[in-house]
Structures are given as C-alpha cells and as structure tokens.
C-alpha atoms as a PDB file:
ATOM      1  CA  ALA A   1     -15.884  79.598 -28.138  1.00  0.00           C
ATOM      2  CA  VAL A   2     -17.986  81.508 -30.323  1.00  0.00           C
ATOM      3  CA  GLU A   3     -22.004  81.204 -31.125  1.00  0.00           C
ATOM      4  CA  TYR A   4     -23.220  82.100 -34.292  1.00  0.00           C
ATOM      5  CA  GLU A   5     -27.395  82.034 -34.522  1.00  0.00           C
ATOM      6  CA  ASP A   6     -29.151  83.406 -37.774  1.00  0.00           C
ATOM      7  CA  THR A   7     -33.478  83.662 -37.624  1.00  0.00           C
ATOM      8  CA  SER A   8     -34.795  84.053 -41.549  1.00  0.00           C
ATOM      9  CA  MET A   9     -38.246  84.844 -42.297  1.00  0.00           C
ATOM     10  CA  GLY A  10     -39.630  84.629 -45.767  1.00  0.00           C
ATOM     11  CA  THR A  11     -42.825  84.975 -47.751  1.00  0.00           C
ATOM     12  CA  GLY A  12     -44.300  84.739 -51.421  1.00  0.00           C
ATOM     13  CA  ILE A  13     -46.434  84.199 -53.943  1.00  0.00           C
ATOM     14  CA  SER A  14     -46.589  83.122 -57.349  1.00  0.00           C
ATOM     15  CA  LEU A  15     -49.307  83.280 -59.967  1.00  0.00           C
ATOM     16  CA  GLN A  16     -49.313  81.276 -62.795  1.00  0.00           C
ATOM     17  CA  MET A  17     -51.127  82.453 -66.265  1.00  0.00           C
ATOM     18  CA  LEU A  18     -54.060  80.094 -67.486  1.00  0.00           C
ATOM     19  CA  ARG A  19     -53.445  78.241 -70.577  1.00  0.00           C
ATOM     20  CA  SER A  20     -49.259  79.913 -70.239  1.00  0.00           C
ATOM     21  CA  PRO A  21     -46.113  78.829 -69.558  1.00  0.00           C
ATOM     22  CA  LEU A  22     -45.732  82.201 -68.257  1.00  0.00           C
ATOM     23  CA  ALA A  23     -45.521  82.806 -63.889  1.00  0.00           C
ATOM     24  CA  GLY A  24     -44.989  85.363 -61.946  1.00  0.00           C
ATOM     25  CA  GLY A  25     -43.948  86.412 -58.188  1.00  0.00           C
ATOM     26  CA  LEU A  26     -43.008  88.543 -55.592  1.00  0.00           C
ATOM     27  CA  GLU A  27     -40.775  87.265 -52.845  1.00  0.00           C
ATOM     28  CA  GLY A  28     -39.659  88.444 -49.584  1.00  0.00           C
ATOM     29  CA  GLU A  29     -36.890  87.547 -46.881  1.00  0.00           C
ATOM     30  CA  THR A  30     -35.237  88.861 -43.672  1.00  0.00           C
ATOM     31  CA  SER A  31     -32.466  87.602 -41.853  1.00  0.00           C
ATOM     32  CA  THR A  32     -30.835  89.024 -38.358  1.00  0.00           C
ATOM     33  CA  SER A  33     -27.342  87.763 -38.628  1.00  0.00           C
ATOM     34  CA  SER A  34     -27.336  90.177 -41.928  1.00  0.00           C
ATOM     35  CA  ASP A  35     -29.846  92.371 -40.972  1.00  0.00           C
ATOM     36  CA  LYS A  36     -31.337  93.590 -44.125  1.00  0.00           C
ATOM     37  CA  THR A  37     -34.288  92.319 -46.180  1.00  0.00           C
ATOM     38  CA  GLN A  38     -34.249  90.917 -49.888  1.00  0.00           C
ATOM     39  CA  ALA A  39     -37.229  91.420 -52.635  1.00  0.00           C
ATOM     40  CA  TYR A  40     -37.827  89.812 -55.393  1.00  0.00           C
ATOM     41  CA  LEU A  41     -40.351  90.143 -57.757  1.00  0.00           C
ATOM     42  CA  TYR A  42     -39.883  88.135 -61.320  1.00  0.00           C
ATOM     43  CA  LEU A  43     -41.605  86.725 -64.722  1.00  0.00           C
ATOM     44  CA  ALA A  44     -40.382  83.431 -65.537  1.00  0.00           C
ATOM     45  CA  GLY A  45     -41.620  81.392 -68.952  1.00  0.00           C
ATOM     46  CA  ASN A  46     -40.971  77.808 -68.287  1.00  0.00           C
ATOM     47  CA  ASN A  47     -40.608  75.213 -71.002  1.00  0.00           C
ATOM     48  CA  LEU A  48     -41.277  77.071 -73.964  1.00  0.00           C
ATOM     49  CA  ALA A  49     -41.203  75.288 -77.174  1.00  0.00           C
ATOM     50  CA  LEU A  50     -39.666  76.912 -80.419  1.00  0.00           C
ATOM     51  CA  ARG A  51     -42.105  76.201 -83.004  1.00  0.00           C
ATOM     52  CA  ASP A  52     -39.893  76.157 -85.667  1.00  0.00           C
ATOM     53  CA  ILE A  53     -36.804  74.130 -84.342  1.00  0.00           C
ATOM     54  CA  ARG A  54     -37.950  70.807 -83.269  1.00  0.00           C
ATOM     55  CA  GLY A  55     -36.990  69.707 -79.808  1.00  0.00           C
ATOM     56  CA  LEU A  56     -35.645  72.817 -78.237  1.00  0.00           C
ATOM     57  CA  VAL A  57     -36.769  73.854 -75.384  1.00  0.00           C
ATOM     58  CA  LEU A  58     -36.059  77.421 -73.362  1.00  0.00           C
ATOM     59  CA  ASN A  59     -36.477  78.679 -69.136  1.00  0.00           C
ATOM     60  CA  VAL A  60     -36.267  82.077 -69.155  1.00  0.00           C
ATOM     61  CA  GLU A  61     -36.646  84.099 -66.176  1.00  0.00           C
ATOM     62  CA  ILE A  62     -36.448  87.993 -66.079  1.00  0.00           C
ATOM     63  CA  GLY A  63     -36.391  89.994 -61.937  1.00  0.00           C
ATOM     64  CA  LEU A  64     -35.919  92.749 -59.872  1.00  0.00           C
ATOM     65  CA  LYS A  65     -34.093  92.168 -57.125  1.00  0.00           C
ATOM     66  CA  ASP A  66     -33.739  94.683 -53.914  1.00  0.00           C
ATOM     67  CA  ILE A  67     -31.650  94.742 -51.078  1.00  0.00           C
ATOM     68  CA  GLY A  68     -31.635  96.972 -48.313  1.00  0.00           C
ATOM     69  CA  GLY A  69     -28.767  99.756 -48.190  1.00  0.00           C
ATOM     70  CA  TRP A  70     -27.376  97.895 -51.358  1.00  0.00           C
ATOM     71  CA  GLY A  71     -29.796  98.913 -53.896  1.00  0.00           C
ATOM     72  CA  THR A  72     -31.828  97.003 -56.617  1.00  0.00           C
ATOM     73  CA  GLU A  73     -30.401  94.934 -60.143  1.00  0.00           C
ATOM     74  CA  PHE A  74     -31.684  93.510 -62.632  1.00  0.00           C
ATOM     75  CA  LEU A  75     -31.721  89.728 -62.890  1.00  0.00           C
ATOM     76  CA  PRO A  76     -31.952  87.818 -66.032  1.00  0.00           C
ATOM     77  CA  GLN A  77     -31.383  84.234 -66.810  1.00  0.00           C
ATOM     78  CA  PHE A  78     -31.951  81.548 -69.161  1.00  0.00           C
ATOM     79  CA  GLU A  79     -31.499  77.735 -69.645  1.00  0.00           C
ATOM     80  CA  LEU A  80     -31.713  76.344 -73.540  1.00  0.00           C
ATOM     81  CA  THR A  81     -31.540  72.826 -74.239  1.00  0.00           C
ATOM     82  CA  SER A  82     -32.225  70.641 -77.274  1.00  0.00           C
ATOM     83  CA  GLN A  83     -32.537  67.066 -77.535  1.00  0.00           C
ATOM     84  CA  ILE A  84     -30.718  66.645 -81.035  1.00  0.00           C
ATOM     85  CA  ASN A  85     -31.568  62.444 -81.159  1.00  0.00           C
ATOM     86  CA  PRO A  86     -32.392  60.359 -78.654  1.00  0.00           C
ATOM     87  CA  ARG A  87     -28.763  59.981 -77.646  1.00  0.00           C
ATOM     88  CA  LEU A  88     -27.528  63.433 -77.511  1.00  0.00           C
ATOM     89  CA  LYS A  89     -28.907  66.406 -75.874  1.00  0.00           C
ATOM     90  CA  ILE A  90     -27.489  69.958 -75.601  1.00  0.00           C
ATOM     91  CA  ARG A  91     -27.902  72.353 -73.525  1.00  0.00           C
ATOM     92  CA  LEU A  92     -26.816  76.461 -72.685  1.00  0.00           C
ATOM     93  CA  ASN A  93     -27.314  78.392 -69.964  1.00  0.00           C
ATOM     94  CA  ALA A  94     -27.019  81.954 -67.772  1.00  0.00           C
ATOM     95  CA  GLN A  95     -28.012  84.014 -65.082  1.00  0.00           C
ATOM     96  CA  LYS A  96     -26.313  86.706 -62.969  1.00  0.00           C
ATOM     97  CA  GLU A  97     -27.042  87.036 -59.467  1.00  0.00           C
ATOM     98  CA  PHE A  98     -27.943  89.742 -56.648  1.00  0.00           C
ATOM     99  CA  ARG A  99     -27.808  88.444 -53.025  1.00  0.00           C
ATOM    100  CA  LEU A 100     -26.063  88.752 -49.027  1.00  0.00           C
ATOM    101  CA  ALA A 101     -23.250  85.572 -48.407  1.00  0.00           C
ATOM    102  CA  ARG A 102     -25.899  83.147 -46.855  1.00  0.00           C
ATOM    103  CA  PHE A 103     -25.503  81.772 -42.944  1.00  0.00           C
ATOM    104  CA  SER A 104     -24.397  78.776 -44.706  1.00  0.00           C
ATOM    105  CA  ASP A 105     -22.227  79.983 -46.565  1.00  0.00           C
ATOM    106  CA  LEU A 106     -20.425  82.160 -43.822  1.00  0.00           C
ATOM    107  CA  TYR A 107     -20.633  79.438 -40.832  1.00  0.00           C
ATOM    108  CA  PHE A 108     -21.082  75.933 -41.936  1.00  0.00           C
ATOM    109  CA  ASN A 109     -18.140  75.217 -44.143  1.00  0.00           C
ATOM    110  CA  GLN A 110     -15.492  77.347 -41.955  1.00  0.00           C
ATOM    111  CA  ASP A 111     -14.184  76.259 -38.530  1.00  0.00           C
ATOM    112  CA  TYR A 112     -12.408  79.438 -36.960  1.00  0.00           C
ATOM    113  CA  ILE A 113     -13.802  82.732 -38.616  1.00  0.00           C
ATOM    114  CA  SER A 114     -13.407  86.851 -37.751  1.00  0.00           C
ATOM    115  CA  ILE A 115     -17.157  88.238 -39.047  1.00  0.00           C
ATOM    116  CA  ASN A 116     -17.191  90.796 -41.336  1.00  0.00           C
ATOM    117  CA  GLU A 117     -20.502  92.385 -40.455  1.00  0.00           C
ATOM    118  CA  ASP A 118     -19.967  94.904 -43.904  1.00  0.00           C
ATOM    119  CA  LEU A 119     -20.104  92.255 -46.319  1.00  0.00           C
ATOM    120  CA  PRO A 120     -21.698  93.805 -49.616  1.00  0.00           C
ATOM    121  CA  PRO A 121     -23.583  91.638 -51.847  1.00  0.00           C
ATOM    122  CA  LEU A 122     -21.958  88.810 -54.206  1.00  0.00           C
ATOM    123  CA  ARG A 123     -23.072  89.968 -57.443  1.00  0.00           C
ATOM    124  CA  PRO A 124     -21.990  87.342 -60.111  1.00  0.00           C
ATOM    125  CA  TRP A 125     -22.229  86.036 -63.989  1.00  0.00           C
ATOM    126  CA  GLY A 126     -22.661  82.235 -64.627  1.00  0.00           C
ATOM    127  CA  PHE A 127     -22.294  81.288 -67.985  1.00  0.00           C
ATOM    128  CA  GLY A 128     -22.419  77.254 -68.866  1.00  0.00           C
ATOM    129  CA  GLY A 129     -22.915  74.731 -71.727  1.00  0.00           C
ATOM    130  CA  GLY A 130     -22.438  70.946 -72.205  1.00  0.00           C
ATOM    131  CA  PHE A 131     -23.520  67.889 -73.875  1.00  0.00           C
ATOM    132  CA  THR A 132     -25.172  64.099 -72.934  1.00  0.00           C
ATOM    133  CA  TYR A 133     -24.603  61.459 -74.863  1.00  0.00           C
ATOM    134  CA  SER A 134     -26.869  58.381 -74.049  1.00  0.00           C
ATOM    135  CA  PRO A 135     -25.660  55.710 -76.143  1.00  0.00           C
ATOM    136  CA  THR A 136     -27.632  52.681 -74.087  1.00  0.00           C
ATOM    137  CA  LYS A 137     -30.412  53.205 -71.046  1.00  0.00           C
ATOM    138  CA  ILE A 138     -27.893  52.025 -68.894  1.00  0.00           C
ATOM    139  CA  TRP A 139     -25.391  54.326 -69.000  1.00  0.00           C
ATOM    140  CA  ASN A 140     -24.509  57.888 -70.307  1.00  0.00           C
ATOM    141  CA  VAL A 141     -21.839  60.439 -70.615  1.00  0.00           C
ATOM    142  CA  SER A 142     -21.573  64.501 -69.570  1.00  0.00           C
ATOM    143  CA  LEU A 143     -19.118  67.157 -70.721  1.00  0.00           C
ATOM    144  CA  GLU A 144     -19.672  70.485 -69.362  1.00  0.00           C
ATOM    145  CA  GLY A 145     -17.871  73.860 -69.251  1.00  0.00           C
ATOM    146  CA  PHE A 146     -18.801  77.035 -67.149  1.00  0.00           C
ATOM    147  CA  LEU A 147     -17.220  80.276 -66.783  1.00  0.00           C
ATOM    148  CA  ASN A 148     -18.519  82.538 -63.513  1.00  0.00           C
ATOM    149  CA  ARG A 149     -17.186  86.309 -63.699  1.00  0.00           C
ATOM    150  CA  GLY A 150     -18.028  89.162 -60.667  1.00  0.00           C
ATOM    151  CA  ASP A 151     -18.320  89.866 -57.176  1.00  0.00           C
ATOM    152  CA  ASN A 152     -18.112  86.708 -54.937  1.00  0.00           C
ATOM    153  CA  LEU A 153     -17.177  84.972 -51.922  1.00  0.00           C
ATOM    154  CA  ILE A 154     -13.762  84.256 -50.835  1.00  0.00           C
ATOM    155  CA  TRP A 155     -11.848  83.816 -47.813  1.00  0.00           C
ATOM    156  CA  ASN A 156      -8.779  85.611 -46.666  1.00  0.00           C
ATOM    157  CA  TRP A 157      -5.978  84.850 -43.571  1.00  0.00           C
ATOM    158  CA  GLU A 158      -5.154  87.714 -41.421  1.00  0.00           C
ATOM    159  CA  THR A 159      -1.763  88.038 -41.296  1.00  0.00           C
ATOM    160  CA  THR A 160      -1.693  88.708 -37.772  1.00  0.00           C
ATOM    161  CA  SER A 161      -4.747  86.370 -36.756  1.00  0.00           C
ATOM    162  CA  PRO A 162      -5.118  82.218 -37.529  1.00  0.00           C
ATOM    163  CA  LEU A 163      -8.796  83.929 -38.085  1.00  0.00           C
ATOM    164  CA  MET A 164     -10.513  83.603 -41.669  1.00  0.00           C
ATOM    165  CA  ARG A 165     -12.227  86.779 -43.206  1.00  0.00           C
ATOM    166  CA  PRO A 166     -14.473  86.797 -45.366  1.00  0.00           C
ATOM    167  CA  LEU A 167     -14.409  88.922 -48.288  1.00  0.00           C
ATOM    168  CA  ILE A 168     -15.961  89.929 -51.571  1.00  0.00           C
ATOM    169  CA  ARG A 169     -13.805  90.312 -54.580  1.00  0.00           C
ATOM    170  CA  ASP A 170     -14.288  90.243 -58.436  1.00  0.00           C
ATOM    171  CA  ILE A 171     -13.500  86.524 -59.213  1.00  0.00           C
ATOM    172  CA  LEU A 172     -13.197  84.926 -62.625  1.00  0.00           C
ATOM    173  CA  LEU A 173     -13.716  81.290 -62.469  1.00  0.00           C
ATOM    174  CA  LYS A 174     -12.912  78.763 -65.805  1.00  0.00           C
ATOM    175  CA  GLY A 175     -13.255  74.810 -66.313  1.00  0.00           C
ATOM    176  CA  GLY A 176     -14.820  71.953 -67.250  1.00  0.00           C
ATOM    177  CA  LYS A 177     -16.343  68.403 -65.870  1.00  0.00           C
ATOM    178  CA  LEU A 178     -16.803  65.373 -66.815  1.00  0.00           C
ATOM    179  CA  SER A 179     -19.026  62.678 -65.844  1.00  0.00           C
ATOM    180  CA  TRP A 180     -19.805  59.469 -66.214  1.00  0.00           C
ATOM    181  CA  VAL A 181     -23.587  57.894 -64.518  1.00  0.00           C
ATOM    182  CA  LEU A 182     -24.650  53.986 -64.475  1.00  0.00           C
ATOM    183  CA  HIS A 183     -27.565  53.551 -63.749  1.00  0.00           C
ATOM    184  CA  LEU A 184     -28.756  50.634 -61.646  1.00  0.00           C
ATOM    185  CA  GLY A 185     -31.731  48.481 -62.235  1.00  0.00           C
ATOM    186  CA  GLY A 186     -33.398  51.947 -62.173  1.00  0.00           C
ATOM    187  CA  ILE A 187     -33.149  52.136 -58.570  1.00  0.00           C
ATOM    188  CA  PHE A 188     -29.771  53.531 -57.899  1.00  0.00           C
ATOM    189  CA  GLU A 189     -27.051  55.265 -59.960  1.00  0.00           C
ATOM    190  CA  GLN A 190     -23.579  55.691 -59.841  1.00  0.00           C
ATOM    191  CA  GLU A 191     -21.702  58.648 -60.790  1.00  0.00           C
ATOM    192  CA  LEU A 192     -17.616  59.393 -61.097  1.00  0.00           C
ATOM    193  CA  ALA A 193     -16.706  63.079 -62.462  1.00  0.00           C
ATOM    194  CA  TYR A 194     -13.614  65.105 -62.641  1.00  0.00           C
ATOM    195  CA  THR A 195     -13.436  68.516 -62.231  1.00  0.00           C
ATOM    196  CA  TYR A 196     -10.361  71.008 -63.794  1.00  0.00           C
ATOM    197  CA  GLN A 197     -10.837  74.797 -63.043  1.00  0.00           C
ATOM    198  CA  GLN A 198      -9.067  77.603 -63.105  1.00  0.00           C
ATOM    199  CA  VAL A 199      -9.831  80.994 -60.208  1.00  0.00           C
ATOM    200  CA  LYS A 200      -8.028  84.354 -60.471  1.00  0.00           C
ATOM    201  CA  ASN A 201      -8.457  87.321 -58.162  1.00  0.00           C
ATOM    202  CA  GLU A 202      -8.787  90.002 -60.695  1.00  0.00           C
ATOM    203  CA  ASP A 203      -8.651  92.640 -57.841  1.00  0.00           C
ATOM    204  CA  ASN A 204      -5.426  91.827 -56.717  1.00  0.00           C
ATOM    205  CA  PRO A 205      -3.903  88.537 -59.438  1.00  0.00           C
ATOM    206  CA  GLU A 206      -0.955  87.792 -57.209  1.00  0.00           C
ATOM    207  CA  LYS A 207      -2.624  86.806 -54.298  1.00  0.00           C
ATOM    208  CA  LEU A 208      -4.083  82.937 -54.591  1.00  0.00           C
ATOM    209  CA  VAL A 209      -7.656  82.340 -54.080  1.00  0.00           C
ATOM    210  CA  PRO A 210      -7.957  79.163 -51.593  1.00  0.00           C
ATOM    211  CA  GLY A 211     -11.212  77.076 -51.534  1.00  0.00           C
ATOM    212  CA  TYR A 212     -10.685  75.814 -55.534  1.00  0.00           C
ATOM    213  CA  PRO A 213      -8.997  73.521 -56.296  1.00  0.00           C
ATOM    214  CA  GLU A 214      -7.606  72.645 -59.463  1.00  0.00           C
ATOM    215  CA  SER A 215      -8.255  68.936 -60.194  1.00  0.00           C
ATOM    216  CA  SER A 216     -10.842  67.368 -57.981  1.00  0.00           C
ATOM    217  CA  GLY A 217     -13.023  63.806 -58.271  1.00  0.00           C
ATOM    218  CA  GLU A 218     -15.926  62.745 -57.443  1.00  0.00           C
ATOM    219  CA  LEU A 219     -17.673  59.307 -56.460  1.00  0.00           C
ATOM    220  CA  TRP A 220     -21.747  59.302 -55.985  1.00  0.00           C
ATOM    221  CA  LEU A 221     -24.053  56.167 -55.434  1.00  0.00           C
ATOM    222  CA  ARG A 222     -27.723  57.817 -55.509  1.00  0.00           C
ATOM    223  CA  TRP A 223     -31.157  56.138 -54.685  1.00  0.00           C
ATOM    224  CA  LYS A 224     -33.694  57.111 -57.249  1.00  0.00           C
ATOM    225  CA  PRO A 225     -37.032  56.724 -54.775  1.00  0.00           C
END
C-alpha cells in the first residue's frame, strides 16, 4: 500500500471599502504535496445594481495570481443575473482559472494512481448561462448550459501498468443540465436533475476522455436549516 500526505497552509487579508460594494484582498497558500506557493491579489464588486436596468445585478472580480515556477496570470470573472419578473430569473457567467491540481483532485477519488510530480497548472475558461422558472413557491425548474475550454485535469491509463496517471490536456467540455426542485415545508427540498455533456481532448481528438459520462442523473434530498 502507498500512502499520500499533504499539509497546506494559507493566509489572507480582505479590505471592504466603506459605503461601497467594492472589496480587495491578498491570499497566499503553500502545499507540501506540490512544493509550490500560490499568491492571489484581487478586486471584487458584489451585488452591483445597474441603475438603468431594473432587476439586473452584477458580481465581478479581477485578479492576478502567481504560482511559483509557473508564472502569473490575469483572472477575470463575472456573474450577471436578472430578475425578469417574480417567476423568472436568468443568469450568465464566465470565469478563468489558474491553479494547481488540489490534493483531493489527485488522490481522494482514485484508488490506483501513478504520481506525476511535474503536473502543470490548470488553465480552463468556463462559460455558463441559464434560467430558473418558479410558477409557485412549492417548486421551480432550471435549465443551464455550460462550456469549458482549456488546460484541465484528465486521467490516463498507462499501457504497461494498471495505474492511472493524471495529465493536463486541452479539454473542450460542453453540455446542459435540467433540474426540478420541490420545496417541502421550508425545511427540506428535493431535486431531480439530468445532465447531458460532450467532452473532447483537443490535443488528441482520437483519445477518449475518461470520467465524463455523456448522460447522468441525480436525485437529492436536502435539509435547509
């Protein structure tokens, strides 16, 4: 048996501007498993109401992230929501990531793996949009689409070994999710969801990408304290 251990340490400071929705901060993190330090400097605006368009709310964040040995990236992200009427809400979002694979990404979900100590950072872009329709207070239905493109984590089986090896490849993932939520007395909610997605390895289109089922379903019962 092989054991894997990791110790992560982090710190951060956040400043909220008085009478303003703007906030800024600096975060740092180091991990023994990757032997790398990550630092993130950001400025964010939360719940920015656009005066000329009623019901439109914007959350936006811009930042600079540095990973030791891998350089610095500019990271924008935003989420735009609009309450069209009391029953209908729409949303759009986009985000760029730049991070090392987490310890949990590599080891918690796989039983037999081969360590890859030179794994580069993930650099995917993510885009999404959808709506939620609530005809009554008892239930609602949501439909969302998503598209992710960029350097992301996949698993590869070695030809001469039963072990799986984590790799970073240019991955295109697109699909949609349909969900129905039933609210039970304000204490519980039940969700039934169906997801359809397609994934492609842009670096090697002939290879299948494991871990991304084309169709999947979910059934949840949640307690809302």
